């Protein structure tokens, strides 16, 4: 009985976690032959749809990247609904690779970037 329940649970987990994207990766090699983006930042990591981050926020994070240097520590201050452990924080952390992005709420950094005003304040 335990073996049947374990097999059924495994089958349900497998079916529930299946993504059609994986089947497309196996069947079609079309996306593998397309060149990557020029700046090296893929806007669709492991997804088959566009990044849900707003264009204004993406432009702001790109501006933060262009105005800071690798090794800088950056405190991101987002207004609701982008504050805290949201997707916007994770996405900004991905785009600002090479820089130390502080956890939400920690403002002890070289640069403080706040959005929606879109301001950058260099402290040190």
PDB file of N, CA and C in Angstrom:
ATOM      1  N   UNK A   1       0.816  -1.198   0.000  1.00  0.00           N
ATOM      2  CA  UNK A   1       0.000   0.000   0.000  1.00  0.00           C
ATOM      3  C   UNK A   1       0.865   1.270   0.000  1.00  0.00           C
ATOM      4  N   UNK A   2       1.939   1.263   0.812  1.00  0.00           N
ATOM      5  CA  UNK A   2       2.814   2.428   0.863  1.00  0.00           C
ATOM      6  C   UNK A   2       3.476   2.670  -0.486  1.00  0.00           C
ATOM      7  N   UNK A   3       3.838   1.609  -1.177  1.00  0.00           N
ATOM      8  CA  UNK A   3       4.470   1.742  -2.480  1.00  0.00           C
ATOM      9  C   UNK A   3       3.512   2.355  -3.503  1.00  0.00           C
ATOM     10  N   UNK A   4       2.257   1.994  -3.452  1.00  0.00           N
ATOM     11  CA  UNK A   4       1.260   2.544  -4.375  1.00  0.00           C
ATOM     12  C   UNK A   4       1.049   4.034  -4.092  1.00  0.00           C
ATOM     13  N   UNK A   5       0.936   4.384  -2.819  1.00  0.00           N
ATOM     14  CA  UNK A   5       0.752   5.788  -2.448  1.00  0.00           C
ATOM     15  C   UNK A   5       1.987   6.598  -2.852  1.00  0.00           C
ATOM     16  N   UNK A   6       3.175   6.070  -2.632  1.00  0.00           N
ATOM     17  CA  UNK A   6       4.398   6.781  -3.005  1.00  0.00           C
ATOM     18  C   UNK A   6       4.487   6.954  -4.519  1.00  0.00           C
ATOM     19  N   UNK A   7       4.113   5.933  -5.271  1.00  0.00           N
ATOM     20  CA  UNK A   7       4.133   6.035  -6.735  1.00  0.00           C
ATOM     21  C   UNK A   7       3.113   7.055  -7.214  1.00  0.00           C
ATOM     22  N   UNK A   8       1.935   7.060  -6.635  1.00  0.00           N
ATOM     23  CA  UNK A   8       0.905   8.028  -7.017  1.00  0.00           C
ATOM     24  C   UNK A   8       1.349   9.454  -6.677  1.00  0.00           C
ATOM     25  N   UNK A   9       1.953   9.627  -5.505  1.00  0.00           N
ATOM     26  CA  UNK A   9       2.441  10.946  -5.118  1.00  0.00           C
ATOM     27  C   UNK A   9       3.536  11.430  -6.061  1.00  0.00           C
ATOM     28  N   UNK A  10       4.450  10.544  -6.415  1.00  0.00           N
ATOM     29  CA  UNK A  10       5.507  10.912  -7.359  1.00  0.00           C
ATOM     30  C   UNK A  10       4.914  11.292  -8.712  1.00  0.00           C
ATOM     31  N   UNK A  11       3.934  10.547  -9.191  1.00  0.00           N
ATOM     32  CA  UNK A  11       3.297  10.852 -10.478  1.00  0.00           C
ATOM     33  C   UNK A  11       2.592  12.201 -10.412  1.00  0.00           C
ATOM     34  N   UNK A  12       1.905  12.498  -9.311  1.00  0.00           N
ATOM     35  CA  UNK A  12       1.235  13.791  -9.174  1.00  0.00           C
ATOM     36  C   UNK A  12       2.237  14.941  -9.130  1.00  0.00           C
ATOM     37  N   UNK A  13       3.337  14.753  -8.426  1.00  0.00           N
ATOM     38  CA  UNK A  13       4.372  15.795  -8.393  1.00  0.00           C
ATOM     39  C   UNK A  13       4.983  16.018  -9.770  1.00  0.00           C
ATOM     40  N   UNK A  14       5.209  14.946 -10.497  1.00  0.00           N
ATOM     41  CA  UNK A  14       5.782  15.056 -11.833  1.00  0.00           C
ATOM     42  C   UNK A  14       4.826  15.780 -12.770  1.00  0.00           C
ATOM     43  N   UNK A  15       3.563  15.399 -12.766  1.00  0.00           N
ATOM     44  CA  UNK A  15       2.575  16.024 -13.646  1.00  0.00           C
ATOM     45  C   UNK A  15       2.347  17.479 -13.240  1.00  0.00           C
ATOM     46  N   UNK A  16       2.292  17.753 -11.945  1.00  0.00           N
ATOM     47  CA  UNK A  16       2.064  19.117 -11.481  1.00  0.00           C
ATOM     48  C   UNK A  16       3.229  20.053 -11.756  1.00  0.00           C
ATOM     49  N   UNK A  17       4.429  19.540 -11.797  1.00  0.00           N
ATOM     50  CA  UNK A  17       5.600  20.379 -12.032  1.00  0.00           C
ATOM     51  C   UNK A  17       6.041  20.441 -13.474  1.00  0.00           C
ATOM     52  N   UNK A  18       5.294  19.800 -14.365  1.00  0.00           N
ATOM     53  CA  UNK A  18       5.697  19.770 -15.771  1.00  0.00           C
ATOM     54  C   UNK A  18       5.423  21.114 -16.429  1.00  0.00           C
ATOM     55  N   UNK A  19       6.372  21.600 -17.198  1.00  0.00           N
ATOM     56  CA  UNK A  19       6.209  22.836 -17.958  1.00  0.00           C
ATOM     57  C   UNK A  19       6.345  22.525 -19.439  1.00  0.00           C
ATOM     58  N   UNK A  20       5.427  23.008 -20.255  1.00  0.00           N
ATOM     59  CA  UNK A  20       5.522  22.761 -21.699  1.00  0.00           C
ATOM     60  C   UNK A  20       6.808  23.308 -22.311  1.00  0.00           C
ATOM     61  N   UNK A  21       7.407  24.310 -21.655  1.00  0.00           N
ATOM     62  CA  UNK A  21       8.645  24.884 -22.159  1.00  0.00           C
ATOM     63  C   UNK A  21       9.728  23.813 -22.282  1.00  0.00           C
ATOM     64  N   UNK A  22       9.774  22.881 -21.318  1.00  0.00           N
ATOM     65  CA  UNK A  22      10.789  21.832 -21.360  1.00  0.00           C
ATOM     66  C   UNK A  22      10.600  20.925 -22.563  1.00  0.00           C
ATOM     67  N   UNK A  23       9.349  20.636 -22.910  1.00  0.00           N
ATOM     68  CA  UNK A  23       9.074  19.820 -24.088  1.00  0.00           C
ATOM     69  C   UNK A  23       9.523  20.551 -25.349  1.00  0.00           C
ATOM     70  N   UNK A  24       9.295  21.866 -25.395  1.00  0.00           N
ATOM     71  CA  UNK A  24       9.749  22.640 -26.549  1.00  0.00           C
ATOM     72  C   UNK A  24      11.268  22.655 -26.657  1.00  0.00           C
ATOM     73  N   UNK A  25      11.970  22.646 -25.538  1.00  0.00           N
ATOM     74  CA  UNK A  25      13.428  22.600 -25.573  1.00  0.00           C
ATOM     75  C   UNK A  25      13.932  21.284 -26.154  1.00  0.00           C
ATOM     76  N   UNK A  26      13.236  20.201 -25.854  1.00  0.00           N
ATOM     77  CA  UNK A  26      13.640  18.891 -26.362  1.00  0.00           C
ATOM     78  C   UNK A  26      13.300  18.748 -27.835  1.00  0.00           C
ATOM     79  N   UNK A  27      12.107  19.173 -28.228  1.00  0.00           N
ATOM     80  CA  UNK A  27      11.625  18.959 -29.594  1.00  0.00           C
ATOM     81  C   UNK A  27      12.207  19.984 -30.558  1.00  0.00           C
ATOM     82  N   UNK A  28      12.233  21.247 -30.181  1.00  0.00           N
ATOM     83  CA  UNK A  28      12.648  22.310 -31.092  1.00  0.00           C
ATOM     84  C   UNK A  28      13.978  22.900 -30.644  1.00  0.00           C
ATOM     85  N   UNK A  29      14.901  23.041 -31.540  1.00  0.00           N
ATOM     86  CA  UNK A  29      16.194  23.666 -31.243  1.00  0.00           C
ATOM     87  C   UNK A  29      16.252  25.104 -31.766  1.00  0.00           C
ATOM     88  N   UNK A  30      15.108  25.641 -32.165  1.00  0.00           N
ATOM     89  CA  UNK A  30      15.058  26.970 -32.750  1.00  0.00           C
ATOM     90  C   UNK A  30      15.621  28.034 -31.808  1.00  0.00           C
ATOM     91  N   UNK A  31      15.214  28.028 -30.535  1.00  0.00           N
ATOM     92  CA  UNK A  31      15.647  29.086 -29.615  1.00  0.00           C
ATOM     93  C   UNK A  31      17.126  28.968 -29.264  1.00  0.00           C
ATOM     94  N   UNK A  32      17.709  27.780 -29.397  1.00  0.00           N
ATOM     95  CA  UNK A  32      19.119  27.617 -29.070  1.00  0.00           C
ATOM     96  C   UNK A  32      20.031  28.225 -30.130  1.00  0.00           C
ATOM     97  N   UNK A  33      19.527  28.376 -31.351  1.00  0.00           N
ATOM     98  CA  UNK A  33      20.344  28.908 -32.428  1.00  0.00           C
ATOM     99  C   UNK A  33      20.204  30.418 -32.580  1.00  0.00           C
ATOM    100  N   UNK A  34      19.317  31.035 -31.821  1.00  0.00           N
ATOM    101  CA  UNK A  34      19.163  32.479 -31.894  1.00  0.00           C
ATOM    102  C   UNK A  34      20.244  33.142 -31.045  1.00  0.00           C
ATOM    103  N   UNK A  35      20.839  34.219 -31.534  1.00  0.00           N
ATOM    104  CA  UNK A  35      21.884  34.875 -30.736  1.00  0.00           C
ATOM    105  C   UNK A  35      21.298  35.518 -29.483  1.00  0.00           C
ATOM    106  N   UNK A  36      22.117  35.648 -28.469  1.00  0.00           N
ATOM    107  CA  UNK A  36      21.691  36.278 -27.224  1.00  0.00           C
ATOM    108  C   UNK A  36      21.625  37.783 -27.375  1.00  0.00           C
ATOM    109  N   UNK A  37      21.159  38.476 -26.359  1.00  0.00           N
ATOM    110  CA  UNK A  37      21.076  39.937 -26.428  1.00  0.00           C
ATOM    111  C   UNK A  37      22.473  40.558 -26.444  1.00  0.00           C
ATOM    112  N   UNK A  38      22.573  41.737 -27.037  1.00  0.00           N
ATOM    113  CA  UNK A  38      23.872  42.390 -27.192  1.00  0.00           C
ATOM    114  C   UNK A  38      24.516  42.743 -25.861  1.00  0.00           C
ATOM    115  N   UNK A  39      23.704  43.172 -24.883  1.00  0.00           N
ATOM    116  CA  UNK A  39      24.286  43.558 -23.605  1.00  0.00           C
ATOM    117  C   UNK A  39      24.491  42.368 -22.676  1.00  0.00           C
ATOM    118  N   UNK A  40      24.113  41.184 -23.096  1.00  0.00           N
ATOM    119  CA  UNK A  40      24.337  39.979 -22.311  1.00  0.00           C
ATOM    120  C   UNK A  40      23.307  39.721 -21.235  1.00  0.00           C
ATOM    121  N   UNK A  41      22.292  40.562 -21.119  1.00  0.00           N
ATOM    122  CA  UNK A  41      21.263  40.382 -20.098  1.00  0.00           C
ATOM    123  C   UNK A  41      20.001  39.829 -20.750  1.00  0.00           C
ATOM    124  N   UNK A  42      19.705  38.591 -20.471  1.00  0.00           N
ATOM    125  CA  UNK A  42      18.522  37.960 -21.036  1.00  0.00           C
ATOM    126  C   UNK A  42      17.303  38.396 -20.237  1.00  0.00           C
ATOM    127  N   UNK A  43      16.317  38.933 -20.913  1.00  0.00           N
ATOM    128  CA  UNK A  43      15.111  39.403 -20.234  1.00  0.00           C
ATOM    129  C   UNK A  43      14.125  38.279 -19.962  1.00  0.00           C
ATOM    130  N   UNK A  44      14.380  37.076 -20.457  1.00  0.00           N
ATOM    131  CA  UNK A  44      13.450  35.969 -20.291  1.00  0.00           C
ATOM    132  C   UNK A  44      14.160  34.723 -19.771  1.00  0.00           C
ATOM    133  N   UNK A  45      14.772  34.756 -18.610  1.00  0.00           N
ATOM    134  CA  UNK A  45      15.459  33.558 -18.142  1.00  0.00           C
ATOM    135  C   UNK A  45      14.461  32.466 -17.759  1.00  0.00           C
ATOM    136  N   UNK A  46      14.583  31.319 -18.401  1.00  0.00           N
ATOM    137  CA  UNK A  46      13.754  30.150 -18.112  1.00  0.00           C
ATOM    138  C   UNK A  46      12.260  30.410 -18.226  1.00  0.00           C
ATOM    139  N   UNK A  47      11.879  31.391 -19.010  1.00  0.00           N
ATOM    140  CA  UNK A  47      10.458  31.654 -19.230  1.00  0.00           C
ATOM    141  C   UNK A  47      10.239  31.819 -20.712  1.00  0.00           C
ATOM    142  N   UNK A  48       9.034  31.615 -21.132  1.00  0.00           N
ATOM    143  CA  UNK A  48       8.686  31.810 -22.525  1.00  0.00           C
ATOM    144  C   UNK A  48       7.754  32.999 -22.689  1.00  0.00           C
ATOM    145  N   UNK A  49       7.836  33.947 -21.789  1.00  0.00           N
ATOM    146  CA  UNK A  49       7.063  35.173 -21.930  1.00  0.00           C
ATOM    147  C   UNK A  49       7.928  36.337 -21.456  1.00  0.00           C
ATOM    148  N   UNK A  50       7.518  37.521 -21.782  1.00  0.00           N
ATOM    149  CA  UNK A  50       8.313  38.722 -21.489  1.00  0.00           C
ATOM    150  C   UNK A  50       8.360  38.988 -19.987  1.00  0.00           C
ATOM    151  N   UNK A  51       9.392  39.644 -19.571  1.00  0.00           N
ATOM    152  CA  UNK A  51       9.616  40.030 -18.188  1.00  0.00           C
ATOM    153  C   UNK A  51       8.450  40.911 -17.698  1.00  0.00           C
ATOM    154  N   UNK A  52       7.802  40.583 -16.564  1.00  0.00           N
ATOM    155  CA  UNK A  52       6.663  41.374 -16.100  1.00  0.00           C
ATOM    156  C   UNK A  52       7.043  42.704 -15.450  1.00  0.00           C
ATOM    157  N   UNK A  53       8.331  42.982 -15.306  1.00  0.00           N
ATOM    158  CA  UNK A  53       8.750  44.255 -14.722  1.00  0.00           C
ATOM    159  C   UNK A  53       8.385  45.392 -15.674  1.00  0.00           C
ATOM    160  N   UNK A  54       7.886  46.486 -15.128  1.00  0.00           N
ATOM    161  CA  UNK A  54       7.456  47.607 -15.968  1.00  0.00           C
ATOM    162  C   UNK A  54       8.650  48.200 -16.726  1.00  0.00           C
ATOM    163  N   UNK A  55       8.407  48.759 -17.909  1.00  0.00           N
ATOM    164  CA  UNK A  55       9.503  49.344 -18.694  1.00  0.00           C
ATOM    165  C   UNK A  55      10.214  50.489 -17.969  1.00  0.00           C
ATOM    166  N   UNK A  56       9.465  51.283 -17.180  1.00  0.00           N
ATOM    167  CA  UNK A  56      10.089  52.380 -16.435  1.00  0.00           C
ATOM    168  C   UNK A  56      11.060  51.849 -15.381  1.00  0.00           C
ATOM    169  N   UNK A  57      10.657  50.794 -14.686  1.00  0.00           N
ATOM    170  CA  UNK A  57      11.524  50.213 -13.673  1.00  0.00           C
ATOM    171  C   UNK A  57      12.745  49.560 -14.319  1.00  0.00           C
ATOM    172  N   UNK A  58      12.562  48.898 -15.454  1.00  0.00           N
ATOM    173  CA  UNK A  58      13.707  48.307 -16.163  1.00  0.00           C
ATOM    174  C   UNK A  58      14.679  49.384 -16.608  1.00  0.00           C
ATOM    175  N   UNK A  59      14.162  50.501 -17.126  1.00  0.00           N
ATOM    176  CA  UNK A  59      15.036  51.605 -17.552  1.00  0.00           C
ATOM    177  C   UNK A  59      15.790  52.178 -16.356  1.00  0.00           C
ATOM    178  N   UNK A  60      15.121  52.286 -15.204  1.00  0.00           N
ATOM    179  CA  UNK A  60      15.783  52.798 -14.003  1.00  0.00           C
ATOM    180  C   UNK A  60      16.905  51.869 -13.558  1.00  0.00           C
ATOM    181  N   UNK A  61      16.655  50.571 -13.530  1.00  0.00           N
ATOM    182  CA  UNK A  61      17.688  49.619 -13.111  1.00  0.00           C
ATOM    183  C   UNK A  61      18.847  49.619 -14.106  1.00  0.00           C
ATOM    184  N   UNK A  62      18.548  49.750 -15.395  1.00  0.00           N
ATOM    185  CA  UNK A  62      19.619  49.856 -16.391  1.00  0.00           C
ATOM    186  C   UNK A  62      20.444  51.127 -16.175  1.00  0.00           C
ATOM    187  N   UNK A  63      19.774  52.222 -15.780  1.00  0.00           N
ATOM    188  CA  UNK A  63      20.494  53.470 -15.496  1.00  0.00           C
ATOM    189  C   UNK A  63      21.367  53.307 -14.252  1.00  0.00           C
ATOM    190  N   UNK A  64      20.864  52.604 -13.238  1.00  0.00           N
ATOM    191  CA  UNK A  64      21.666  52.336 -12.036  1.00  0.00           C
ATOM    192  C   UNK A  64      22.898  51.530 -12.428  1.00  0.00           C
ATOM    193  N   UNK A  65      22.725  50.536 -13.298  1.00  0.00           N
ATOM    194  CA  UNK A  65      23.858  49.726 -13.741  1.00  0.00           C
ATOM    195  C   UNK A  65      24.892  50.568 -14.482  1.00  0.00           C
ATOM    196  N   UNK A  66      24.420  51.480 -15.332  1.00  0.00           N
ATOM    197  CA  UNK A  66      25.357  52.283 -16.124  1.00  0.00           C
ATOM    198  C   UNK A  66      26.071  53.343 -15.279  1.00  0.00           C
ATOM    199  N   UNK A  67      25.468  53.786 -14.182  1.00  0.00           N
ATOM    200  CA  UNK A  67      26.065  54.848 -13.374  1.00  0.00           C
ATOM    201  C   UNK A  67      26.824  54.330 -12.146  1.00  0.00           C
ATOM    202  N   UNK A  68      26.879  53.020 -11.978  1.00  0.00           N
ATOM    203  CA  UNK A  68      27.645  52.442 -10.872  1.00  0.00           C
ATOM    204  C   UNK A  68      28.750  51.561 -11.442  1.00  0.00           C
ATOM    205  N   UNK A  69      29.659  51.203 -10.585  1.00  0.00           N
ATOM    206  CA  UNK A  69      30.808  50.402 -11.000  1.00  0.00           C
ATOM    207  C   UNK A  69      30.750  49.027 -10.338  1.00  0.00           C
ATOM    208  N   UNK A  70      31.345  48.013 -10.989  1.00  0.00           N
ATOM    209  CA  UNK A  70      31.403  46.708 -10.333  1.00  0.00           C
ATOM    210  C   UNK A  70      32.112  46.831  -8.977  1.00  0.00           C
ATOM    211  N   UNK A  71      31.553  46.179  -7.986  1.00  0.00           N
ATOM    212  CA  UNK A  71      32.088  46.251  -6.630  1.00  0.00           C
ATOM    213  C   UNK A  71      31.366  47.235  -5.740  1.00  0.00           C
ATOM    214  N   UNK A  72      30.582  48.150  -6.318  1.00  0.00           N
ATOM    215  CA  UNK A  72      29.794  49.080  -5.507  1.00  0.00           C
ATOM    216  C   UNK A  72      28.721  48.313  -4.738  1.00  0.00           C
ATOM    217  N   UNK A  73      28.393  48.826  -3.561  1.00  0.00           N
ATOM    218  CA  UNK A  73      27.251  48.272  -2.836  1.00  0.00           C
ATOM    219  C   UNK A  73      26.072  49.203  -3.074  1.00  0.00           C
ATOM    220  N   UNK A  74      24.921  48.601  -3.399  1.00  0.00           N
ATOM    221  CA  UNK A  74      23.743  49.369  -3.794  1.00  0.00           C
ATOM    222  C   UNK A  74      22.574  48.985  -2.897  1.00  0.00           C
ATOM    223  N   UNK A  75      21.921  49.990  -2.337  1.00  0.00           N
ATOM    224  CA  UNK A  75      20.693  49.788  -1.574  1.00  0.00           C
ATOM    225  C   UNK A  75      19.535  50.209  -2.466  1.00  0.00           C
ATOM    226  N   UNK A  76      18.632  49.289  -2.718  1.00  0.00           N
ATOM    227  CA  UNK A  76      17.466  49.575  -3.550  1.00  0.00           C
ATOM    228  C   UNK A  76      16.278  49.876  -2.649  1.00  0.00           C
ATOM    229  N   UNK A  77      15.667  51.017  -2.864  1.00  0.00           N
ATOM    230  CA  UNK A  77      14.488  51.411  -2.097  1.00  0.00           C
ATOM    231  C   UNK A  77      13.333  51.510  -3.082  1.00  0.00           C
ATOM    232  N   UNK A  78      12.444  50.521  -3.014  1.00  0.00           N
ATOM    233  CA  UNK A  78      11.289  50.481  -3.907  1.00  0.00           C
ATOM    234  C   UNK A  78      10.036  50.851  -3.123  1.00  0.00           C
ATOM    235  N   UNK A  79       9.129  51.541  -3.788  1.00  0.00           N
ATOM    236  CA  UNK A  79       7.828  51.849  -3.191  1.00  0.00           C
ATOM    237  C   UNK A  79       6.884  50.674  -3.440  1.00  0.00           C
ATOM    238  N   UNK A  80       5.837  50.540  -2.639  1.00  0.00           N
ATOM    239  CA  UNK A  80       4.872  49.461  -2.883  1.00  0.00           C
ATOM    240  C   UNK A  80       4.302  49.578  -4.292  1.00  0.00           C
ATOM    241  N   UNK A  81       4.040  48.533  -4.952  1.00  0.00           N
ATOM    242  CA  UNK A  81       4.058  47.124  -4.585  1.00  0.00           C
ATOM    243  C   UNK A  81       5.400  46.456  -4.873  1.00  0.00           C
ATOM    244  N   UNK A  82       6.434  47.214  -5.159  1.00  0.00           N
ATOM    245  CA  UNK A  82       7.722  46.634  -5.544  1.00  0.00           C
ATOM    246  C   UNK A  82       8.691  46.485  -4.375  1.00  0.00           C
ATOM    247  N   UNK A  83       8.273  46.837  -3.174  1.00  0.00           N
ATOM    248  CA  UNK A  83       9.179  46.787  -2.032  1.00  0.00           C
ATOM    249  C   UNK A  83       9.276  45.376  -1.461  1.00  0.00           C
ATOM    250  N   UNK A  84      10.259  45.174  -0.616  1.00  0.00           N
ATOM    251  CA  UNK A  84      10.416  43.882   0.050  1.00  0.00           C
ATOM    252  C   UNK A  84      10.983  42.810  -0.849  1.00  0.00           C
ATOM    253  N   UNK A  85      10.500  41.612  -0.681  1.00  0.00           N
ATOM    254  CA  UNK A  85      11.023  40.457  -1.414  1.00  0.00           C
ATOM    255  C   UNK A  85      10.243  40.245  -2.703  1.00  0.00           C
ATOM    256  N   UNK A  86      10.010  41.272  -3.450  1.00  0.00           N
ATOM    257  CA  UNK A  86       9.221  41.155  -4.673  1.00  0.00           C
ATOM    258  C   UNK A  86      10.093  40.719  -5.843  1.00  0.00           C
ATOM    259  N   UNK A  87       9.427  40.438  -6.935  1.00  0.00           N
ATOM    260  CA  UNK A  87      10.123  40.054  -8.148  1.00  0.00           C
ATOM    261  C   UNK A  87      11.026  41.191  -8.635  1.00  0.00           C
ATOM    262  N   UNK A  88      10.626  42.425  -8.405  1.00  0.00           N
ATOM    263  CA  UNK A  88      11.429  43.565  -8.853  1.00  0.00           C
ATOM    264  C   UNK A  88      12.791  43.585  -8.176  1.00  0.00           C
ATOM    265  N   UNK A  89      12.838  43.260  -6.889  1.00  0.00           N
ATOM    266  CA  UNK A  89      14.120  43.212  -6.183  1.00  0.00           C
ATOM    267  C   UNK A  89      14.995  42.102  -6.765  1.00  0.00           C
ATOM    268  N   UNK A  90      14.409  40.939  -6.988  1.00  0.00           N
ATOM    269  CA  UNK A  90      15.178  39.823  -7.544  1.00  0.00           C
ATOM    270  C   UNK A  90      15.686  40.175  -8.942  1.00  0.00           C
ATOM    271  N   UNK A  91      14.834  40.800  -9.745  1.00  0.00           N
ATOM    272  CA  UNK A  91      15.215  41.151 -11.107  1.00  0.00           C
ATOM    273  C   UNK A  91      16.324  42.203 -11.102  1.00  0.00           C
ATOM    274  N   UNK A  92      16.231  43.186 -10.213  1.00  0.00           N
ATOM    275  CA  UNK A  92      17.276  44.208 -10.124  1.00  0.00           C
ATOM    276  C   UNK A  92      18.586  43.576  -9.678  1.00  0.00           C
ATOM    277  N   UNK A  93      18.525  42.618  -8.778  1.00  0.00           N
ATOM    278  CA  UNK A  93      19.719  41.917  -8.329  1.00  0.00           C
ATOM    279  C   UNK A  93      20.375  41.171  -9.489  1.00  0.00           C
ATOM    280  N   UNK A  94      19.568  40.619 -10.362  1.00  0.00           N
ATOM    281  CA  UNK A  94      20.065  39.902 -11.537  1.00  0.00           C
ATOM    282  C   UNK A  94      20.726  40.876 -12.520  1.00  0.00           C
ATOM    283  N   UNK A  95      20.089  42.002 -12.784  1.00  0.00           N
ATOM    284  CA  UNK A  95      20.619  42.984 -13.740  1.00  0.00           C
ATOM    285  C   UNK A  95      21.871  43.659 -13.190  1.00  0.00           C
ATOM    286  N   UNK A  96      21.939  43.847 -11.879  1.00  0.00           N
ATOM    287  CA  UNK A  96      23.081  44.533 -11.256  1.00  0.00           C
ATOM    288  C   UNK A  96      24.163  43.550 -10.824  1.00  0.00           C
ATOM    289  N   UNK A  97      24.352  42.500 -11.583  1.00  0.00           N
ATOM    290  CA  UNK A  97      25.383  41.525 -11.227  1.00  0.00           C
ATOM    291  C   UNK A  97      26.749  42.199 -11.233  1.00  0.00           C
ATOM    292  N   UNK A  98      27.600  41.785 -10.323  1.00  0.00           N
ATOM    293  CA  UNK A  98      28.907  42.403 -10.165  1.00  0.00           C
ATOM    294  C   UNK A  98      28.916  43.471  -9.101  1.00  0.00           C
ATOM    295  N   UNK A  99      27.736  43.882  -8.690  1.00  0.00           N
ATOM    296  CA  UNK A  99      27.602  44.855  -7.617  1.00  0.00           C
ATOM    297  C   UNK A  99      26.975  44.148  -6.420  1.00  0.00           C
ATOM    298  N   UNK A 100      27.227  44.636  -5.229  1.00  0.00           N
ATOM    299  CA  UNK A 100      26.621  44.055  -4.040  1.00  0.00           C
ATOM    300  C   UNK A 100      25.295  44.753  -3.800  1.00  0.00           C
ATOM    301  N   UNK A 101      24.208  44.031  -3.990  1.00  0.00           N
ATOM    302  CA  UNK A 101      22.875  44.591  -3.772  1.00  0.00           C
ATOM    303  C   UNK A 101      22.444  44.209  -2.361  1.00  0.00           C
ATOM    304  N   UNK A 102      22.210  45.222  -1.555  1.00  0.00           N
ATOM    305  CA  UNK A 102      21.824  45.006  -0.157  1.00  0.00           C
ATOM    306  C   UNK A 102      20.407  44.461  -0.076  1.00  0.00           C
ATOM    307  N   UNK A 103      20.136  43.758   1.005  1.00  0.00           N
ATOM    308  CA  UNK A 103      18.794  43.235   1.239  1.00  0.00           C
ATOM    309  C   UNK A 103      17.815  44.383   1.444  1.00  0.00           C
ATOM    310  N   UNK A 104      16.535  44.164   1.148  1.00  0.00           N
ATOM    311  CA  UNK A 104      15.546  45.239   1.355  1.00  0.00           C
ATOM    312  C   UNK A 104      15.544  45.718   2.800  1.00  0.00           C
ATOM    313  N   UNK A 105      15.546  47.027   2.974  1.00  0.00           N
ATOM    314  CA  UNK A 105      15.560  47.622   4.305  1.00  0.00           C
ATOM    315  C   UNK A 105      16.948  48.011   4.780  1.00  0.00           C
ATOM    316  N   UNK A 106      17.996  47.460   4.187  1.00  0.00           N
ATOM    317  CA  UNK A 106      19.370  47.773   4.562  1.00  0.00           C
ATOM    318  C   UNK A 106      19.864  48.915   3.681  1.00  0.00           C
ATOM    319  N   UNK A 107      20.109  50.074   4.270  1.00  0.00           N
ATOM    320  CA  UNK A 107      20.531  51.246   3.491  1.00  0.00           C
ATOM    321  C   UNK A 107      21.990  51.612   3.734  1.00  0.00           C
ATOM    322  N   UNK A 108      22.777  50.718   4.309  1.00  0.00           N
ATOM    323  CA  UNK A 108      24.197  50.965   4.525  1.00  0.00           C
ATOM    324  C   UNK A 108      24.951  50.544   3.269  1.00  0.00           C
ATOM    325  N   UNK A 109      25.026  51.465   2.297  1.00  0.00           N
ATOM    326  CA  UNK A 109      25.620  51.144   0.999  1.00  0.00           C
ATOM    327  C   UNK A 109      26.294  52.372   0.408  1.00  0.00           C
ATOM    328  N   UNK A 110      27.116  52.158  -0.620  1.00  0.00           N
ATOM    329  CA  UNK A 110      27.767  53.266  -1.320  1.00  0.00           C
ATOM    330  C   UNK A 110      26.760  54.093  -2.108  1.00  0.00           C
ATOM    331  N   UNK A 111      25.782  53.422  -2.709  1.00  0.00           N
ATOM    332  CA  UNK A 111      24.799  54.079  -3.559  1.00  0.00           C
ATOM    333  C   UNK A 111      23.407  53.688  -3.085  1.00  0.00           C
ATOM    334  N   UNK A 112      22.521  54.678  -2.953  1.00  0.00           N
ATOM    335  CA  UNK A 112      21.122  54.400  -2.636  1.00  0.00           C
ATOM    336  C   UNK A 112      20.303  54.779  -3.859  1.00  0.00           C
ATOM    337  N   UNK A 113      19.602  53.804  -4.401  1.00  0.00           N
ATOM    338  CA  UNK A 113      18.761  54.013  -5.576  1.00  0.00           C
ATOM    339  C   UNK A 113      17.314  53.847  -5.154  1.00  0.00           C
ATOM    340  N   UNK A 114      16.519  54.876  -5.348  1.00  0.00           N
ATOM    341  CA  UNK A 114      15.114  54.800  -4.942  1.00  0.00           C
ATOM    342  C   UNK A 114      14.217  54.981  -6.162  1.00  0.00           C
ATOM    343  N   UNK A 115      13.174  54.184  -6.167  1.00  0.00           N
ATOM    344  CA  UNK A 115      12.208  54.231  -7.263  1.00  0.00           C
ATOM    345  C   UNK A 115      10.815  54.124  -6.698  1.00  0.00           C
ATOM    346  N   UNK A 116       9.841  54.906  -7.073  1.00  0.00           N
ATOM    347  CA  UNK A 116       9.603  55.575  -8.323  1.00  0.00           C
ATOM    348  C   UNK A 116      10.221  56.943  -8.526  1.00  0.00           C
ATOM    349  N   UNK A 117      10.747  57.685  -7.542  1.00  0.00           N
ATOM    350  CA  UNK A 117      11.316  58.956  -7.978  1.00  0.00           C
ATOM    351  C   UNK A 117      12.457  58.791  -8.973  1.00  0.00           C
ATOM    352  N   UNK A 118      13.155  57.652  -8.930  1.00  0.00           N
ATOM    353  CA  UNK A 118      14.232  57.422  -9.878  1.00  0.00           C
ATOM    354  C   UNK A 118      15.497  58.167  -9.537  1.00  0.00           C
ATOM    355  N   UNK A 119      15.826  58.275  -8.259  1.00  0.00           N
ATOM    356  CA  UNK A 119      17.009  59.024  -7.845  1.00  0.00           C
ATOM    357  C   UNK A 119      18.125  58.092  -7.431  1.00  0.00           C
ATOM    358  N   UNK A 120      19.345  58.541  -7.667  1.00  0.00           N
ATOM    359  CA  UNK A 120      20.548  57.854  -7.222  1.00  0.00           C
ATOM    360  C   UNK A 120      21.326  58.782  -6.318  1.00  0.00           C
ATOM    361  N   UNK A 121      21.682  58.310  -5.140  1.00  0.00           N
ATOM    362  CA  UNK A 121      22.435  59.106  -4.187  1.00  0.00           C
ATOM    363  C   UNK A 121      23.705  58.350  -3.840  1.00  0.00           C
ATOM    364  N   UNK A 122      24.837  58.926  -4.194  1.00  0.00           N
ATOM    365  CA  UNK A 122      26.131  58.314  -3.873  1.00  0.00           C
ATOM    366  C   UNK A 122      26.568  58.833  -2.512  1.00  0.00           C
ATOM    367  N   UNK A 123      26.772  57.904  -1.575  1.00  0.00           N
ATOM    368  CA  UNK A 123      27.140  58.290  -0.207  1.00  0.00           C
ATOM    369  C   UNK A 123      28.641  58.352  -0.004  1.00  0.00           C
ATOM    370  N   UNK A 124      29.362  57.407  -0.579  1.00  0.00           N
ATOM    371  CA  UNK A 124      30.814  57.357  -0.330  1.00  0.00           C
ATOM    372  C   UNK A 124      31.559  57.395  -1.623  1.00  0.00           C
TER     373      UNK A 124
END
